[in-house]
Amino acid sequence: MRAARIHEHGGPEVIVVEEVPEPEVGAHDVLVRQFATSVNHRDIWIRQGLADATFQYELPKTLGIDVAGEVVATGAEVAAIQPGMHVTINPFIACGNCWACHRGEPARCPGFDIFNGAYAELVAVPDRIVIPVSRDVPPEHLACFPNSTITAWEMLVGKARVTPGQTVFVWAGTGGLGSAGVRIAKLAGANVIASAGSEKKLEILRGLEPDLVLNHHTDDVVARVMEYTEGRGVDLVFEHVGGATWERSMQMTSPWGPSPPPG
């Protein structure tokens, strides 16, 4: 089968498509033929060879987090997943047995890991992270969903505890994390202000129906937010950009903290 791998660290040019052996399928594994996958920053950081131990892997390495495909085979101990199903995965892998997992906090699991290897025609994944999906979901949509959406959900729901009636500001609302953040905040019943940096992206962002759309390059973002919130500021900032936005994020946030749920 073919896979896109790196044999050294560097720019995009170090990615090579080559023939590799098909993955072995263990008793609790599911073999998936990939329809599509996506590029996440984690893939870029691993390719670049960041010094952080989180991104260190033995080379050669097949990159890729997001799985979107059809099951072609299952291990002997797999019962719930059947060949022919369309599936994705939860790429965040926890042990399932430690104190954190038992408390429903898998991200704090001492054995926490993130799946890699989606840049291939076939991938073998543990059956416990496989999620069946409708065959009606377009592969390109499914391939962009798992990593970014789970991360955004953990930010807004798991950590920030977003509630109806709050006001949430989302930086870069057309990116993978940003677009997921807009949708999740809207789903939670929050008022959403979101930004983008070009006319094309602003048009895409309007399609997600935030309550206010701003250009973070040309608008006075803090002033517009304060005007919209009548001087109070936002309850939550969906901050996933970093240094370029940190100061404005602090300036637009309500000094009184998040509003309590209505009622």
Protein backbone atom coordinates (compact mmCIF):
# COMPACT_ATOMS: atom_id res chain seq x y z
CA MET A 1 0.00 0.00 0.00
CA ARG A 2 1.04 3.64 -0.29
CA ALA A 3 1.72 5.95 2.64
CA ALA A 4 3.03 9.49 3.02
CA ARG A 5 6.01 9.38 5.38
CA ILE A 6 8.92 11.42 6.58
CA HIS A 7 12.48 10.07 6.86
CA GLU A 8 13.87 13.37 8.14
CA HIS A 9 12.61 16.61 9.63
CA GLY A 10 12.06 19.72 7.57
CA GLY A 11 9.58 21.45 5.29
CA PRO A 12 6.79 19.88 3.23
CA GLU A 13 9.40 18.60 0.77
CA VAL A 14 10.50 15.89 3.25
CA ILE A 15 7.15 14.10 2.87
CA VAL A 16 7.47 11.19 0.45
CA VAL A 17 4.79 8.84 -0.87
CA GLU A 18 6.11 5.31 -0.96
CA GLU A 19 5.11 1.67 -0.80
CA VAL A 20 4.98 0.20 2.70
CA PRO A 21 3.70 -3.10 4.12
CA GLU A 22 0.03 -3.25 5.03
CA PRO A 23 -0.53 -2.87 8.79
CA GLU A 24 -0.97 -5.97 10.91
CA VAL A 25 -4.42 -6.32 12.46
CA GLY A 26 -4.43 -7.37 16.09
CA ALA A 27 -7.28 -9.09 17.89
CA HIS A 28 -8.79 -5.76 19.00
CA ASP A 29 -7.94 -3.76 15.88
CA VAL A 30 -10.00 -2.47 12.97
CA LEU A 31 -8.50 -2.09 9.50
CA VAL A 32 -9.81 0.99 7.67
CA ARG A 33 -9.39 1.94 4.01
CA GLN A 34 -8.96 5.69 4.02
CA PHE A 35 -11.25 7.92 1.96
CA ALA A 36 -9.67 11.17 3.14
CA THR A 37 -7.66 12.73 5.93
CA SER A 38 -6.57 16.23 6.95
CA VAL A 39 -3.53 18.28 7.97
CA ASN A 40 -3.34 19.36 11.60
CA HIS A 41 -0.70 21.52 13.25
CA ARG A 42 0.47 18.45 15.13
CA ASP A 43 1.44 16.88 11.80
CA ILE A 44 3.40 19.99 10.89
CA TRP A 45 5.15 20.12 14.25
CA ILE A 46 6.17 16.45 14.01
CA ARG A 47 7.43 17.01 10.46
CA GLN A 48 9.42 20.04 11.56
CA GLY A 49 10.94 18.12 14.46
CA LEU A 50 10.04 20.40 17.35
CA ALA A 51 12.22 19.78 20.39
CA ASP A 52 9.23 19.15 22.69
CA ALA A 53 9.15 15.48 23.67
CA THR A 54 5.47 15.37 22.70
CA PHE A 55 6.41 15.51 19.02
CA GLN A 56 9.32 13.06 18.99
CA TYR A 57 8.85 9.86 17.00
CA GLU A 58 11.19 7.30 15.54
CA LEU A 59 11.70 7.83 11.82
CA PRO A 60 10.50 6.97 9.25
CA LYS A 61 7.06 8.07 10.40
CA THR A 62 3.64 8.09 8.78
CA LEU A 63 1.86 11.28 9.84
CA GLY A 64 -1.84 12.02 10.14
CA ILE A 65 -4.41 12.09 12.93
CA ASP A 66 -7.84 12.02 11.32
CA VAL A 67 -9.36 8.80 9.96
CA ALA A 68 -12.29 8.78 7.56
CA GLY A 69 -12.92 5.56 5.69
CA GLU A 70 -14.53 2.15 5.38
CA VAL A 71 -13.83 -0.91 7.51
CA VAL A 72 -12.29 -3.70 5.45
CA ALA A 73 -11.35 -6.15 8.23
CA THR A 74 -11.57 -6.60 11.99
CA GLY A 75 -9.63 -8.51 14.60
CA ALA A 76 -10.87 -11.75 16.12
CA GLU A 77 -12.09 -10.05 19.32
CA VAL A 78 -13.94 -7.17 17.63
CA ALA A 79 -17.73 -7.47 17.78
CA ALA A 80 -19.40 -4.06 17.45
CA ILE A 81 -17.60 -2.91 14.30
CA GLN A 82 -18.26 -4.73 11.04
CA PRO A 83 -16.64 -4.64 7.57
CA GLY A 84 -18.41 -2.18 5.27
CA MET A 85 -19.11 0.38 7.98
CA HIS A 86 -18.04 3.97 7.41
CA VAL A 87 -16.07 5.12 10.43
CA THR A 88 -13.93 7.79 11.99
CA ILE A 89 -11.96 7.64 15.24
CA ASN A 90 -11.43 9.54 18.45
CA PRO A 91 -7.69 10.15 17.94
CA PHE A 92 -7.11 10.79 21.65
CA ILE A 93 -6.11 7.48 23.19
CA ALA A 94 -6.31 6.94 26.96
CA CYS A 95 -5.67 3.74 28.91
CA GLY A 96 -9.27 3.46 30.14
CA ASN A 97 -8.20 2.07 33.53
CA CYS A 98 -6.48 4.83 35.52
CA TRP A 99 -7.97 7.30 38.01
CA ALA A 100 -8.33 9.99 35.34
CA CYS A 101 -10.15 7.71 32.92
CA HIS A 102 -12.50 6.50 35.67
CA ARG A 103 -13.30 10.14 36.48
CA GLY A 104 -14.15 10.88 32.85
CA GLU A 105 -11.00 12.98 32.32
CA PRO A 106 -9.06 10.98 29.71
CA ALA A 107 -6.91 13.97 28.71
CA ARG A 108 -5.26 13.71 32.16
CA CYS A 109 -4.47 10.01 31.73
CA PRO A 110 -0.76 9.32 32.46
CA GLY A 111 -0.72 7.05 29.42
CA PHE A 112 -2.49 9.53 27.13
CA ASP A 113 -1.41 9.39 23.49
CA ILE A 114 -2.59 10.68 20.13
CA PHE A 115 -3.09 8.44 17.11
CA ASN A 116 -0.74 8.89 14.16
CA GLY A 117 -0.62 7.15 10.81
CA ALA A 118 -3.62 8.40 8.83
CA TYR A 119 -1.60 9.40 5.74
CA ALA A 120 -1.94 5.91 4.28
CA GLU A 121 -4.30 3.87 2.15
CA LEU A 122 -4.93 1.48 5.06
CA VAL A 123 -4.75 2.15 8.80
CA ALA A 124 -5.15 -0.22 11.73
CA VAL A 125 -6.72 1.36 14.82
CA PRO A 126 -7.87 0.02 18.21
CA ASP A 127 -11.56 -0.86 18.09
CA ARG A 128 -12.28 1.17 21.27
CA ILE A 129 -11.57 4.46 19.47
CA VAL A 130 -13.55 3.64 16.31
CA ILE A 131 -16.82 5.53 15.76
CA PRO A 132 -19.37 4.40 13.12
CA VAL A 133 -20.83 7.23 11.04
CA SER A 134 -23.56 7.60 8.46
CA ARG A 135 -22.61 6.79 4.88
CA ASP A 136 -24.24 10.11 3.93
CA VAL A 137 -21.45 12.17 5.54
CA PRO A 138 -19.05 13.41 2.83
CA PRO A 139 -15.54 12.00 3.40
CA GLU A 140 -13.91 15.43 3.19
CA HIS A 141 -16.22 16.68 5.97
CA LEU A 142 -15.57 13.66 8.14
CA ALA A 143 -11.81 13.94 7.67
CA CYS A 144 -11.79 17.47 9.09
CA PHE A 145 -13.96 16.68 12.10
CA PRO A 146 -12.39 14.52 14.85
CA ASN A 147 -9.23 16.23 16.10
CA SER A 148 -10.33 19.84 15.76
CA THR A 149 -13.87 19.29 17.03
CA ILE A 150 -12.85 17.25 20.06
CA THR A 151 -10.24 19.87 20.96
CA ALA A 152 -12.74 22.71 20.59
CA TRP A 153 -15.34 20.80 22.62
CA GLU A 154 -12.86 20.23 25.43
CA MET A 155 -11.96 23.94 25.41
CA LEU A 156 -15.50 25.29 25.49
CA VAL A 157 -17.52 22.57 27.20
CA GLY A 158 -14.97 20.59 29.19
CA LYS A 159 -12.95 23.50 30.54
CA ALA A 160 -14.87 26.76 30.08
CA ARG A 161 -18.31 25.25 30.80
CA VAL A 162 -20.01 27.49 28.22
CA THR A 163 -23.69 28.11 28.96
CA PRO A 164 -26.68 29.69 27.19
CA GLY A 165 -26.71 33.47 27.16
CA GLN A 166 -22.97 33.93 27.53
CA THR A 167 -20.99 35.84 24.91
CA VAL A 168 -18.06 34.02 23.32
CA PHE A 169 -15.39 35.56 21.10
CA VAL A 170 -13.74 33.17 18.61
CA TRP A 171 -10.49 34.16 16.95
CA ALA A 172 -9.91 32.92 13.38
CA GLY A 173 -13.37 31.46 13.02
CA THR A 174 -12.78 29.82 9.64
CA GLY A 175 -9.90 27.57 10.73
CA GLY A 176 -10.34 24.01 11.91
CA LEU A 177 -10.49 24.89 15.60
CA GLY A 178 -12.19 28.24 15.05
CA SER A 179 -15.04 26.92 12.93
CA ALA A 180 -15.64 24.12 15.43
CA GLY A 181 -15.60 26.71 18.22
CA VAL A 182 -18.26 28.83 16.50
CA ARG A 183 -20.55 25.85 15.99
CA ILE A 184 -20.14 24.51 19.53
CA ALA A 185 -20.72 27.90 21.14
CA LYS A 186 -23.86 28.37 19.03
CA LEU A 187 -25.02 24.86 19.93
CA ALA A 188 -24.62 25.76 23.61
CA GLY A 189 -26.88 28.79 23.16
CA ALA A 190 -24.14 31.42 23.49
CA ASN A 191 -23.91 34.69 21.59
CA VAL A 192 -20.91 34.40 19.29
CA ILE A 193 -18.55 37.06 17.98
CA ALA A 194 -16.02 35.68 15.52
CA SER A 195 -13.16 37.04 13.45
CA ALA A 196 -11.42 36.35 10.15
CA GLY A 197 -8.69 38.13 8.23
CA SER A 198 -9.76 38.41 4.59
CA GLU A 199 -12.93 39.09 2.59
CA LYS A 200 -13.04 35.50 1.38
CA LYS A 201 -12.77 34.15 4.91
CA LEU A 202 -15.28 36.68 6.23
CA GLU A 203 -17.80 35.43 3.68
CA ILE A 204 -17.20 31.84 4.78
CA LEU A 205 -17.49 32.88 8.41
CA ARG A 206 -20.86 34.53 7.83
CA GLY A 207 -22.10 31.16 6.62
CA LEU A 208 -21.52 29.80 10.14
CA GLU A 209 -23.96 32.46 11.42
CA PRO A 210 -22.12 34.06 14.35
CA ASP A 211 -23.94 37.03 15.83
CA LEU A 212 -21.16 39.47 14.90
CA VAL A 213 -18.36 39.09 12.35
CA LEU A 214 -15.15 41.15 12.59
CA ASN A 215 -11.99 41.53 10.52
CA HIS A 216 -9.15 41.06 12.98
CA HIS A 217 -6.74 42.93 10.68
CA THR A 218 -8.77 46.07 9.96
CA ASP A 219 -11.38 46.38 12.71
CA ASP A 220 -10.66 47.72 16.18
CA VAL A 221 -11.67 44.37 17.61
CA VAL A 222 -11.66 45.37 21.27
CA ALA A 223 -13.72 48.52 20.65
CA ARG A 224 -16.26 46.66 18.53
CA VAL A 225 -16.61 43.93 21.16
CA MET A 226 -17.11 46.47 23.93
CA GLU A 227 -19.72 48.27 21.84
CA TYR A 228 -21.56 45.01 21.12
CA THR A 229 -21.52 43.97 24.80
CA GLU A 230 -22.44 47.47 26.04
CA GLY A 231 -19.13 47.83 27.83
CA ARG A 232 -19.20 44.57 29.73
CA GLY A 233 -16.85 42.49 27.58
CA VAL A 234 -17.18 38.85 26.59
CA ASP A 235 -17.56 35.96 29.00
CA LEU A 236 -15.19 33.65 27.14
CA VAL A 237 -12.46 34.04 24.54
CA PHE A 238 -11.77 31.00 22.35
CA GLU A 239 -8.02 31.63 22.21
CA HIS A 240 -6.03 29.32 19.94
CA VAL A 241 -3.72 31.77 18.16
CA GLY A 242 -1.26 32.90 20.83
CA GLY A 243 0.98 35.94 21.15
CA ALA A 244 -0.54 37.94 18.30
CA THR A 245 -3.95 38.03 19.99
CA TRP A 246 -3.28 37.55 23.69
CA GLU A 247 -3.32 41.23 24.70
CA ARG A 248 -6.58 41.95 22.88
CA SER A 249 -8.10 38.79 24.32
CA MET A 250 -7.44 40.06 27.83
CA GLN A 251 -8.73 43.55 27.02
CA MET A 252 -12.06 42.30 25.66
CA THR A 253 -12.79 39.85 28.48
CA SER A 254 -15.24 40.85 31.19
CA PRO A 255 -13.44 41.71 34.47
CA TRP A 256 -16.37 40.20 36.37
CA GLY A 257 -15.93 36.75 34.92
CA PRO A 258 -18.47 34.67 32.99
CA SER A 259 -22.15 35.40 33.42
CA PRO A 260 -24.08 32.75 35.39
CA PRO A 261 -26.59 30.59 33.50
CA PRO A 262 -30.03 32.20 33.07
CA GLY A 263 -32.64 31.34 35.67
